[in-house]
């Protein structure tokens, strides 16, 4: 007889799995360079700057390298001057990047162990209900975003940042001209779609396991 997990172990395992999926989705969305390349054309970003596409992407890559490297402490873009407030905001963004990566690293092993245990115990059906509820989250956030992205965007910054450094002045921080609000909206859409697909995959995996278990008993 297989030893079943205690309720607290299941709750901890589910929490780890939720956090792993969410942080993994965020990691993919914030680093999905093809989206920015697409938006350069789709949003006519080059019209808002004097630099060409190659130079713009070089600066974008340097910005992302700074945000992703925990050992990089100085941000200086060759073609975009930056105020101390603008630089301060990117340092704050970097802290959120690092927090996301830490949570991913801390939760991924417990999440995998949890899934392996569920599979061994033929209990993957336990994923169905929690992740069905989880699928409501991207829908609600997507609805709020569709209703008014401006309000959603402002609320997001008010929740995650303790200052107004994110209110860039294009004169002192021209980088904001090539990082339009619509690009961030597309990043959020990508994240919500990926999150919904991941949750759906876990629900379907649970249902498939339950179907196999039911057929085995007949």
C-alpha atoms as a PDB file:
ATOM      1  CA  UNK A   1       0.000   0.000   0.000  1.00  0.00           C
ATOM      2  CA  UNK A   2       1.395   3.365  -1.068  1.00  0.00           C
ATOM      3  CA  UNK A   3       1.775   5.877   1.751  1.00  0.00           C
ATOM      4  CA  UNK A   4      -0.381   8.900   0.936  1.00  0.00           C
ATOM      5  CA  UNK A   5       0.752  12.455   1.517  1.00  0.00           C
ATOM      6  CA  UNK A   6      -0.503  14.276   4.590  1.00  0.00           C
ATOM      7  CA  UNK A   7      -2.893  17.208   3.877  1.00  0.00           C
ATOM      8  CA  UNK A   8      -0.214  19.761   4.880  1.00  0.00           C
ATOM      9  CA  UNK A   9       2.243  18.125   2.460  1.00  0.00           C
ATOM     10  CA  UNK A  10      -0.302  18.389  -0.343  1.00  0.00           C
ATOM     11  CA  UNK A  11      -0.992  22.044   0.446  1.00  0.00           C
ATOM     12  CA  UNK A  12       2.734  22.829   0.528  1.00  0.00           C
ATOM     13  CA  UNK A  13       3.258  20.887  -2.704  1.00  0.00           C
ATOM     14  CA  UNK A  14       0.406  22.714  -4.430  1.00  0.00           C
ATOM     15  CA  UNK A  15       1.730  26.087  -3.271  1.00  0.00           C
ATOM     16  CA  UNK A  16       5.206  25.206  -4.590  1.00  0.00           C
ATOM     17  CA  UNK A  17       3.710  24.119  -7.917  1.00  0.00           C
ATOM     18  CA  UNK A  18       1.612  27.294  -8.239  1.00  0.00           C
ATOM     19  CA  UNK A  19       4.622  29.497  -7.491  1.00  0.00           C
ATOM     20  CA  UNK A  20       6.865  27.535  -9.856  1.00  0.00           C
ATOM     21  CA  UNK A  21       4.408  27.856 -12.743  1.00  0.00           C
ATOM     22  CA  UNK A  22       3.793  31.570 -12.104  1.00  0.00           C
ATOM     23  CA  UNK A  23       7.482  32.487 -11.776  1.00  0.00           C
ATOM     24  CA  UNK A  24       8.413  30.321 -14.779  1.00  0.00           C
ATOM     25  CA  UNK A  25       5.778  32.070 -16.890  1.00  0.00           C
ATOM     26  CA  UNK A  26       7.028  35.482 -15.713  1.00  0.00           C
ATOM     27  CA  UNK A  27      10.610  34.449 -16.542  1.00  0.00           C
ATOM     28  CA  UNK A  28       9.611  33.481 -20.086  1.00  0.00           C
ATOM     29  CA  UNK A  29       7.464  36.579 -20.651  1.00  0.00           C
ATOM     30  CA  UNK A  30      10.017  39.149 -19.439  1.00  0.00           C
ATOM     31  CA  UNK A  31      12.819  37.564 -21.452  1.00  0.00           C
ATOM     32  CA  UNK A  32      10.904  36.883 -24.672  1.00  0.00           C
ATOM     33  CA  UNK A  33      13.013  39.056 -26.969  1.00  0.00           C
ATOM     34  CA  UNK A  34      11.056  38.168 -30.164  1.00  0.00           C
ATOM     35  CA  UNK A  35       8.089  40.092 -28.734  1.00  0.00           C
ATOM     36  CA  UNK A  36      10.118  43.317 -28.605  1.00  0.00           C
ATOM     37  CA  UNK A  37      11.515  42.667 -32.091  1.00  0.00           C
ATOM     38  CA  UNK A  38       7.941  42.221 -33.336  1.00  0.00           C
ATOM     39  CA  UNK A  39       6.760  45.367 -31.547  1.00  0.00           C
ATOM     40  CA  UNK A  40       9.525  47.487 -33.067  1.00  0.00           C
ATOM     41  CA  UNK A  41       7.631  47.104 -36.336  1.00  0.00           C
ATOM     42  CA  UNK A  42       4.090  46.626 -35.041  1.00  0.00           C
ATOM     43  CA  UNK A  43       4.194  49.730 -32.800  1.00  0.00           C
ATOM     44  CA  UNK A  44       6.461  51.749 -35.107  1.00  0.00           C
ATOM     45  CA  UNK A  45       8.917  52.229 -32.245  1.00  0.00           C
ATOM     46  CA  UNK A  46      11.661  53.510 -34.548  1.00  0.00           C
ATOM     47  CA  UNK A  47       9.523  56.583 -35.244  1.00  0.00           C
ATOM     48  CA  UNK A  48      10.025  57.606 -31.604  1.00  0.00           C
ATOM     49  CA  UNK A  49      13.835  57.581 -31.722  1.00  0.00           C
ATOM     50  CA  UNK A  50      16.750  58.650 -33.905  1.00  0.00           C
ATOM     51  CA  UNK A  51      18.634  55.343 -33.612  1.00  0.00           C
ATOM     52  CA  UNK A  52      18.255  52.430 -36.016  1.00  0.00           C
ATOM     53  CA  UNK A  53      16.904  48.966 -35.264  1.00  0.00           C
ATOM     54  CA  UNK A  54      20.341  47.362 -34.723  1.00  0.00           C
ATOM     55  CA  UNK A  55      21.418  50.089 -32.278  1.00  0.00           C
ATOM     56  CA  UNK A  56      18.056  49.969 -30.500  1.00  0.00           C
ATOM     57  CA  UNK A  57      18.274  46.211 -30.014  1.00  0.00           C
ATOM     58  CA  UNK A  58      21.866  46.520 -28.770  1.00  0.00           C
ATOM     59  CA  UNK A  59      20.677  48.945 -26.072  1.00  0.00           C
ATOM     60  CA  UNK A  60      17.658  46.772 -25.286  1.00  0.00           C
ATOM     61  CA  UNK A  61      19.924  43.733 -24.872  1.00  0.00           C
ATOM     62  CA  UNK A  62      22.235  45.692 -22.566  1.00  0.00           C
ATOM     63  CA  UNK A  63      19.272  46.770 -20.446  1.00  0.00           C
ATOM     64  CA  UNK A  64      18.017  43.173 -20.188  1.00  0.00           C
ATOM     65  CA  UNK A  65      21.536  41.944 -19.370  1.00  0.00           C
ATOM     66  CA  UNK A  66      21.669  44.422 -16.471  1.00  0.00           C
ATOM     67  CA  UNK A  67      18.229  43.367 -15.202  1.00  0.00           C
ATOM     68  CA  UNK A  68      19.118  39.663 -15.359  1.00  0.00           C
ATOM     69  CA  UNK A  69      22.639  39.781 -13.924  1.00  0.00           C
ATOM     70  CA  UNK A  70      22.701  39.829 -10.097  1.00  0.00           C
ATOM     71  CA  UNK A  71      26.357  40.915 -10.179  1.00  0.00           C
ATOM     72  CA  UNK A  72      25.819  43.953 -12.437  1.00  0.00           C
ATOM     73  CA  UNK A  73      25.481  47.107 -10.336  1.00  0.00           C
ATOM     74  CA  UNK A  74      25.898  49.867 -12.916  1.00  0.00           C
ATOM     75  CA  UNK A  75      23.484  50.655 -15.719  1.00  0.00           C
ATOM     76  CA  UNK A  76      24.694  52.810 -18.598  1.00  0.00           C
ATOM     77  CA  UNK A  77      23.191  52.591 -22.075  1.00  0.00           C
ATOM     78  CA  UNK A  78      25.460  53.886 -24.865  1.00  0.00           C
ATOM     79  CA  UNK A  79      22.735  55.633 -26.859  1.00  0.00           C
ATOM     80  CA  UNK A  80      20.189  56.605 -24.200  1.00  0.00           C
ATOM     81  CA  UNK A  81      21.091  59.080 -21.449  1.00  0.00           C
ATOM     82  CA  UNK A  82      19.442  58.381 -18.111  1.00  0.00           C
ATOM     83  CA  UNK A  83      18.514  60.397 -15.034  1.00  0.00           C
ATOM     84  CA  UNK A  84      19.229  59.145 -11.521  1.00  0.00           C
ATOM     85  CA  UNK A  85      15.475  58.546 -11.046  1.00  0.00           C
ATOM     86  CA  UNK A  86      15.297  56.545 -14.284  1.00  0.00           C
ATOM     87  CA  UNK A  87      18.326  54.497 -13.273  1.00  0.00           C
ATOM     88  CA  UNK A  88      16.782  54.024  -9.827  1.00  0.00           C
ATOM     89  CA  UNK A  89      13.599  52.612 -11.362  1.00  0.00           C
ATOM     90  CA  UNK A  90      15.527  50.016 -13.351  1.00  0.00           C
ATOM     91  CA  UNK A  91      17.359  49.029 -10.155  1.00  0.00           C
ATOM     92  CA  UNK A  92      13.938  48.516  -8.533  1.00  0.00           C
ATOM     93  CA  UNK A  93      12.832  46.451 -11.552  1.00  0.00           C
ATOM     94  CA  UNK A  94      16.015  44.390 -11.230  1.00  0.00           C
ATOM     95  CA  UNK A  95      15.105  43.601  -7.596  1.00  0.00           C
ATOM     96  CA  UNK A  96      11.749  42.230  -8.781  1.00  0.00           C
ATOM     97  CA  UNK A  97      13.532  40.145 -11.435  1.00  0.00           C
ATOM     98  CA  UNK A  98      15.828  38.709  -8.759  1.00  0.00           C
ATOM     99  CA  UNK A  99      12.911  38.020  -6.410  1.00  0.00           C
ATOM    100  CA  UNK A 100      11.117  36.153  -9.189  1.00  0.00           C
ATOM    101  CA  UNK A 101      14.204  34.030  -9.923  1.00  0.00           C
ATOM    102  CA  UNK A 102      14.784  33.255  -6.237  1.00  0.00           C
ATOM    103  CA  UNK A 103      11.172  32.091  -5.793  1.00  0.00           C
ATOM    104  CA  UNK A 104      11.494  29.946  -8.942  1.00  0.00           C
ATOM    105  CA  UNK A 105      14.723  28.331  -7.731  1.00  0.00           C
ATOM    106  CA  UNK A 106      13.358  27.725  -4.219  1.00  0.00           C
ATOM    107  CA  UNK A 107      10.066  26.174  -5.355  1.00  0.00           C
ATOM    108  CA  UNK A 108      10.957  24.199  -8.484  1.00  0.00           C
ATOM    109  CA  UNK A 109      12.467  21.166  -6.714  1.00  0.00           C
ATOM    110  CA  UNK A 110       9.596  20.794  -4.162  1.00  0.00           C
ATOM    111  CA  UNK A 111       7.140  21.217  -7.067  1.00  0.00           C
ATOM    112  CA  UNK A 112       8.787  18.451  -9.120  1.00  0.00           C
ATOM    113  CA  UNK A 113       8.984  16.166  -6.060  1.00  0.00           C
ATOM    114  CA  UNK A 114       5.277  16.841  -5.410  1.00  0.00           C
ATOM    115  CA  UNK A 115       4.329  15.911  -8.995  1.00  0.00           C
ATOM    116  CA  UNK A 116       6.454  12.742  -8.875  1.00  0.00           C
ATOM    117  CA  UNK A 117       4.768  11.675  -5.612  1.00  0.00           C
ATOM    118  CA  UNK A 118       1.306  12.346  -7.023  1.00  0.00           C
ATOM    119  CA  UNK A 119       2.135  10.290 -10.105  1.00  0.00           C
ATOM    120  CA  UNK A 120       3.467   7.381  -8.017  1.00  0.00           C
ATOM    121  CA  UNK A 121       0.362   7.469  -5.836  1.00  0.00           C
ATOM    122  CA  UNK A 122      -1.919   7.746  -8.889  1.00  0.00           C
ATOM    123  CA  UNK A 123      -3.255  10.958  -7.371  1.00  0.00           C
ATOM    124  CA  UNK A 124      -2.671  13.429 -10.183  1.00  0.00           C
ATOM    125  CA  UNK A 125      -6.444  13.980 -10.149  1.00  0.00           C
ATOM    126  CA  UNK A 126      -5.794  16.212  -7.136  1.00  0.00           C
ATOM    127  CA  UNK A 127      -4.459  18.820  -9.565  1.00  0.00           C
ATOM    128  CA  UNK A 128      -7.820  19.234 -11.300  1.00  0.00           C
ATOM    129  CA  UNK A 129      -9.788  21.397  -8.871  1.00  0.00           C
ATOM    130  CA  UNK A 130      -6.976  23.731  -7.648  1.00  0.00           C
ATOM    131  CA  UNK A 131      -5.818  24.535 -11.170  1.00  0.00           C
ATOM    132  CA  UNK A 132      -9.373  24.897 -12.457  1.00  0.00           C
ATOM    133  CA  UNK A 133      -9.692  27.661  -9.871  1.00  0.00           C
ATOM    134  CA  UNK A 134      -6.242  28.887 -10.885  1.00  0.00           C
ATOM    135  CA  UNK A 135      -7.454  29.313 -14.469  1.00  0.00           C
ATOM    136  CA  UNK A 136      -9.826  32.019 -13.233  1.00  0.00           C
ATOM    137  CA  UNK A 137      -6.888  34.261 -12.224  1.00  0.00           C
ATOM    138  CA  UNK A 138      -5.586  35.119 -15.732  1.00  0.00           C
ATOM    139  CA  UNK A 139      -9.189  35.618 -16.918  1.00  0.00           C
ATOM    140  CA  UNK A 140      -9.934  38.144 -14.138  1.00  0.00           C
ATOM    141  CA  UNK A 141      -6.626  39.969 -14.615  1.00  0.00           C
ATOM    142  CA  UNK A 142      -7.105  39.936 -18.390  1.00  0.00           C
ATOM    143  CA  UNK A 143     -10.598  41.400 -17.994  1.00  0.00           C
ATOM    144  CA  UNK A 144      -9.295  44.171 -15.718  1.00  0.00           C
ATOM    145  CA  UNK A 145      -6.520  44.877 -18.189  1.00  0.00           C
ATOM    146  CA  UNK A 146      -8.927  44.957 -21.154  1.00  0.00           C
ATOM    147  CA  UNK A 147     -11.293  47.316 -19.297  1.00  0.00           C
ATOM    148  CA  UNK A 148      -8.568  49.917 -18.807  1.00  0.00           C
ATOM    149  CA  UNK A 149      -4.929  49.060 -19.335  1.00  0.00           C
ATOM    150  CA  UNK A 150      -3.888  52.536 -18.155  1.00  0.00           C
ATOM    151  CA  UNK A 151      -5.534  51.959 -14.776  1.00  0.00           C
ATOM    152  CA  UNK A 152      -4.179  48.400 -14.604  1.00  0.00           C
ATOM    153  CA  UNK A 153      -0.655  49.625 -15.449  1.00  0.00           C
ATOM    154  CA  UNK A 154      -0.734  52.383 -12.827  1.00  0.00           C
ATOM    155  CA  UNK A 155      -2.131  50.038 -10.156  1.00  0.00           C
ATOM    156  CA  UNK A 156       0.589  47.492 -10.960  1.00  0.00           C
ATOM    157  CA  UNK A 157       3.288  50.128 -10.398  1.00  0.00           C
ATOM    158  CA  UNK A 158       1.644  51.400  -7.225  1.00  0.00           C
ATOM    159  CA  UNK A 159       1.604  47.846  -5.838  1.00  0.00           C
ATOM    160  CA  UNK A 160       5.176  46.907  -6.707  1.00  0.00           C
ATOM    161  CA  UNK A 161       7.088  50.176  -6.441  1.00  0.00           C
ATOM    162  CA  UNK A 162       7.454  52.452  -3.441  1.00  0.00           C
ATOM    163  CA  UNK A 163       8.229  55.636  -5.394  1.00  0.00           C
ATOM    164  CA  UNK A 164       7.340  57.573  -8.538  1.00  0.00           C
ATOM    165  CA  UNK A 165      10.602  56.876 -10.390  1.00  0.00           C
ATOM    166  CA  UNK A 166       8.615  54.902 -12.964  1.00  0.00           C
ATOM    167  CA  UNK A 167       7.022  58.147 -14.197  1.00  0.00           C
ATOM    168  CA  UNK A 168       9.752  58.780 -16.770  1.00  0.00           C
ATOM    169  CA  UNK A 169      10.302  62.177 -18.397  1.00  0.00           C
ATOM    170  CA  UNK A 170      11.072  61.584 -22.097  1.00  0.00           C
ATOM    171  CA  UNK A 171      13.414  64.595 -22.067  1.00  0.00           C
ATOM    172  CA  UNK A 172      15.697  63.208 -19.345  1.00  0.00           C
ATOM    173  CA  UNK A 173      14.994  59.509 -19.982  1.00  0.00           C
ATOM    174  CA  UNK A 174      14.407  58.994 -23.727  1.00  0.00           C
ATOM    175  CA  UNK A 175      14.478  55.213 -23.145  1.00  0.00           C
ATOM    176  CA  UNK A 176      10.776  55.493 -22.291  1.00  0.00           C
ATOM    177  CA  UNK A 177      10.060  56.477 -25.916  1.00  0.00           C
ATOM    178  CA  UNK A 178      11.217  53.053 -27.093  1.00  0.00           C
ATOM    179  CA  UNK A 179       9.475  51.161 -24.268  1.00  0.00           C
ATOM    180  CA  UNK A 180       5.860  52.165 -24.960  1.00  0.00           C
ATOM    181  CA  UNK A 181       2.981  51.146 -22.721  1.00  0.00           C
ATOM    182  CA  UNK A 182       1.597  48.938 -25.493  1.00  0.00           C
ATOM    183  CA  UNK A 183       4.738  46.799 -25.387  1.00  0.00           C
ATOM    184  CA  UNK A 184       4.164  46.127 -21.689  1.00  0.00           C
ATOM    185  CA  UNK A 185       0.533  45.321 -22.437  1.00  0.00           C
ATOM    186  CA  UNK A 186       1.724  42.699 -24.919  1.00  0.00           C
ATOM    187  CA  UNK A 187       4.084  41.301 -22.237  1.00  0.00           C
ATOM    188  CA  UNK A 188       1.160  40.955 -19.827  1.00  0.00           C
ATOM    189  CA  UNK A 189      -0.997  39.304 -22.505  1.00  0.00           C
ATOM    190  CA  UNK A 190       1.801  36.822 -23.241  1.00  0.00           C
ATOM    191  CA  UNK A 191       2.159  36.041 -19.520  1.00  0.00           C
ATOM    192  CA  UNK A 192      -1.598  35.573 -19.021  1.00  0.00           C
ATOM    193  CA  UNK A 193      -1.897  33.292 -22.065  1.00  0.00           C
ATOM    194  CA  UNK A 194       1.089  31.183 -20.960  1.00  0.00           C
ATOM    195  CA  UNK A 195      -0.286  30.968 -17.414  1.00  0.00           C
ATOM    196  CA  UNK A 196      -3.692  29.856 -18.678  1.00  0.00           C
ATOM    197  CA  UNK A 197      -2.099  27.215 -20.916  1.00  0.00           C
ATOM    198  CA  UNK A 198       0.078  25.872 -18.074  1.00  0.00           C
ATOM    199  CA  UNK A 199      -2.868  25.630 -15.687  1.00  0.00           C
ATOM    200  CA  UNK A 200      -4.971  23.984 -18.415  1.00  0.00           C
ATOM    201  CA  UNK A 201      -2.185  21.456 -19.089  1.00  0.00           C
ATOM    202  CA  UNK A 202      -2.112  20.484 -15.397  1.00  0.00           C
ATOM    203  CA  UNK A 203      -5.918  20.132 -15.319  1.00  0.00           C
ATOM    204  CA  UNK A 204      -5.858  17.931 -18.445  1.00  0.00           C
ATOM    205  CA  UNK A 205      -2.999  15.856 -17.008  1.00  0.00           C
ATOM    206  CA  UNK A 206      -5.048  15.316 -13.854  1.00  0.00           C
ATOM    207  CA  UNK A 207      -8.141  14.320 -15.871  1.00  0.00           C
ATOM    208  CA  UNK A 208      -6.131  11.941 -18.050  1.00  0.00           C
ATOM    209  CA  UNK A 209      -4.668  10.284 -14.955  1.00  0.00           C
ATOM    210  CA  UNK A 210      -8.124   9.979 -13.391  1.00  0.00           C
ATOM    211  CA  UNK A 211      -9.495   8.409 -16.575  1.00  0.00           C
ATOM    212  CA  UNK A 212      -6.648   5.879 -16.638  1.00  0.00           C
ATOM    213  CA  UNK A 213      -7.209   5.061 -12.967  1.00  0.00           C
ATOM    214  CA  UNK A 214     -10.963   4.586 -13.528  1.00  0.00           C
ATOM    215  CA  UNK A 215     -10.382   2.340 -16.576  1.00  0.00           C
ATOM    216  CA  UNK A 216      -7.867   0.240 -14.607  1.00  0.00           C
ATOM    217  CA  UNK A 217     -10.481  -0.477 -11.924  1.00  0.00           C
ATOM    218  CA  UNK A 218     -13.055  -1.703 -14.460  1.00  0.00           C
END
